[in-house]
Amino acid sequence: MSERKLIVRDWLAIERTKLANERTFLSYFRTAFVLFGTGLSILKIEYFSSVRYVGILLLTISLVVLLFGGIRLVQVRKGILKHYN
């Protein structure tokens, strides 16, 4: 079976796809970070003591978003490598 060489255009397309995947993960990370900070602020400020459950909910959602983003990063990376290797 002969191995097909990638031309420069194809190689650059693969690199753009990898970078787009990393940018997507960073947006998940940024969203999780904001949710975490907001949830933590709600828990720490006494004025919001009546809505503590919202802070706990935001902290939980932030962990879920970060986990989902990490799983998606790995899955897409494996798909890229599988398709182009």
C-alpha atoms as a PDB file:
ATOM      1  CA  MET A   1       0.000   0.000   0.000  1.00  0.00           C
ATOM      2  CA  SER A   2       1.559   3.288  -1.062  1.00  0.00           C
ATOM      3  CA  GLU A   3       1.658   6.157   1.380  1.00  0.00           C
ATOM      4  CA  ARG A   4       0.149   9.391   0.126  1.00  0.00           C
ATOM      5  CA  LYS A   5       2.188  12.536   0.801  1.00  0.00           C
ATOM      6  CA  LEU A   6       0.362  15.660   1.873  1.00  0.00           C
ATOM      7  CA  ILE A   7       0.879  18.807  -0.117  1.00  0.00           C
ATOM      8  CA  VAL A   8       1.450  22.092   1.691  1.00  0.00           C
ATOM      9  CA  ARG A   9      -2.183  23.188   1.314  1.00  0.00           C
ATOM     10  CA  ASP A  10      -3.457  19.987   2.943  1.00  0.00           C
ATOM     11  CA  TRP A  11      -0.906  20.170   5.736  1.00  0.00           C
ATOM     12  CA  LEU A  12      -1.906  23.779   6.482  1.00  0.00           C
ATOM     13  CA  ALA A  13      -5.582  22.788   6.510  1.00  0.00           C
ATOM     14  CA  ILE A  14      -4.819  20.128   9.120  1.00  0.00           C
ATOM     15  CA  GLU A  15      -2.935  22.655  11.238  1.00  0.00           C
ATOM     16  CA  ARG A  16      -5.844  25.127  11.005  1.00  0.00           C
ATOM     17  CA  THR A  17      -8.217  22.377  12.097  1.00  0.00           C
ATOM     18  CA  LYS A  18      -6.022  21.545  15.096  1.00  0.00           C
ATOM     19  CA  LEU A  19      -5.819  25.208  16.089  1.00  0.00           C
ATOM     20  CA  ALA A  20      -9.593  25.599  15.730  1.00  0.00           C
ATOM     21  CA  ASN A  21     -10.041  22.614  18.042  1.00  0.00           C
ATOM     22  CA  GLU A  22      -7.799  24.237  20.639  1.00  0.00           C
ATOM     23  CA  ARG A  23      -9.661  27.557  20.331  1.00  0.00           C
ATOM     24  CA  THR A  24     -12.915  25.721  20.905  1.00  0.00           C
ATOM     25  CA  PHE A  25     -11.523  24.164  24.082  1.00  0.00           C
ATOM     26  CA  LEU A  26     -10.329  27.572  25.254  1.00  0.00           C
ATOM     27  CA  SER A  27     -13.836  28.966  24.803  1.00  0.00           C
ATOM     28  CA  TYR A  28     -15.215  26.116  26.928  1.00  0.00           C
ATOM     29  CA  PHE A  29     -12.512  26.864  29.507  1.00  0.00           C
ATOM     30  CA  ARG A  30     -13.307  30.590  29.481  1.00  0.00           C
ATOM     31  CA  THR A  31     -17.017  29.886  29.945  1.00  0.00           C
ATOM     32  CA  ALA A  32     -16.337  27.473  32.801  1.00  0.00           C
ATOM     33  CA  PHE A  33     -14.018  30.009  34.439  1.00  0.00           C
ATOM     34  CA  VAL A  34     -16.657  32.758  34.312  1.00  0.00           C
ATOM     35  CA  LEU A  35     -19.353  30.428  35.680  1.00  0.00           C
ATOM     36  CA  PHE A  36     -17.025  29.313  38.460  1.00  0.00           C
ATOM     37  CA  GLY A  37     -16.111  32.883  39.388  1.00  0.00           C
ATOM     38  CA  THR A  38     -19.733  33.978  39.393  1.00  0.00           C
ATOM     39  CA  GLY A  39     -20.799  31.009  41.506  1.00  0.00           C
ATOM     40  CA  LEU A  40     -17.991  31.595  43.963  1.00  0.00           C
ATOM     41  CA  SER A  41     -18.865  35.278  44.215  1.00  0.00           C
ATOM     42  CA  ILE A  42     -22.498  34.483  44.928  1.00  0.00           C
ATOM     43  CA  LEU A  43     -21.442  32.113  47.707  1.00  0.00           C
ATOM     44  CA  LYS A  44     -19.007  34.597  49.282  1.00  0.00           C
ATOM     45  CA  ILE A  45     -21.111  37.786  49.214  1.00  0.00           C
ATOM     46  CA  GLU A  46     -23.501  37.884  52.160  1.00  0.00           C
ATOM     47  CA  TYR A  47     -26.033  39.954  50.227  1.00  0.00           C
ATOM     48  CA  PHE A  48     -26.752  36.905  48.059  1.00  0.00           C
ATOM     49  CA  SER A  49     -27.149  34.462  50.952  1.00  0.00           C
ATOM     50  CA  SER A  50     -30.791  33.864  50.037  1.00  0.00           C
ATOM     51  CA  VAL A  51     -29.784  32.460  46.643  1.00  0.00           C
ATOM     52  CA  ARG A  52     -26.879  30.228  47.670  1.00  0.00           C
ATOM     53  CA  TYR A  53     -28.330  27.413  45.586  1.00  0.00           C
ATOM     54  CA  VAL A  54     -27.658  29.482  42.442  1.00  0.00           C
ATOM     55  CA  GLY A  55     -23.978  29.727  43.398  1.00  0.00           C
ATOM     56  CA  ILE A  56     -23.764  25.992  43.979  1.00  0.00           C
ATOM     57  CA  LEU A  57     -25.564  25.360  40.690  1.00  0.00           C
ATOM     58  CA  LEU A  58     -23.131  27.621  38.818  1.00  0.00           C
ATOM     59  CA  LEU A  59     -20.134  25.871  40.377  1.00  0.00           C
ATOM     60  CA  THR A  60     -21.534  22.499  39.315  1.00  0.00           C
ATOM     61  CA  ILE A  61     -22.319  23.705  35.803  1.00  0.00           C
ATOM     62  CA  SER A  62     -18.812  25.125  35.450  1.00  0.00           C
ATOM     63  CA  LEU A  63     -17.282  21.741  36.236  1.00  0.00           C
ATOM     64  CA  VAL A  64     -19.598  20.039  33.747  1.00  0.00           C
ATOM     65  CA  VAL A  65     -18.717  22.566  31.017  1.00  0.00           C
ATOM     66  CA  LEU A  66     -14.992  22.114  31.648  1.00  0.00           C
ATOM     67  CA  LEU A  67     -15.307  18.332  31.610  1.00  0.00           C
ATOM     68  CA  PHE A  68     -17.365  18.403  28.417  1.00  0.00           C
ATOM     69  CA  GLY A  69     -14.836  20.718  26.746  1.00  0.00           C
ATOM     70  CA  GLY A  70     -11.933  18.452  27.696  1.00  0.00           C
ATOM     71  CA  ILE A  71     -13.688  15.335  26.440  1.00  0.00           C
ATOM     72  CA  ARG A  72     -14.577  17.078  23.194  1.00  0.00           C
ATOM     73  CA  LEU A  73     -10.978  18.268  22.745  1.00  0.00           C
ATOM     74  CA  VAL A  74      -9.656  14.716  23.045  1.00  0.00           C
ATOM     75  CA  GLN A  75     -12.344  13.198  20.802  1.00  0.00           C
ATOM     76  CA  VAL A  76     -11.844  15.707  18.008  1.00  0.00           C
ATOM     77  CA  ARG A  77      -8.052  15.398  18.261  1.00  0.00           C
ATOM     78  CA  LYS A  78      -8.322  11.609  17.929  1.00  0.00           C
ATOM     79  CA  GLY A  79     -10.643  12.039  14.937  1.00  0.00           C
ATOM     80  CA  ILE A  80      -8.198  14.405  13.242  1.00  0.00           C
ATOM     81  CA  LEU A  81      -5.265  12.074  13.821  1.00  0.00           C
ATOM     82  CA  LYS A  82      -7.256   9.041  12.696  1.00  0.00           C
ATOM     83  CA  HIS A  83      -8.382  10.729   9.508  1.00  0.00           C
ATOM     84  CA  TYR A  84      -5.003  12.139   8.489  1.00  0.00           C
ATOM     85  CA  ASN A  85      -2.576   9.467   9.685  1.00  0.00           C
END
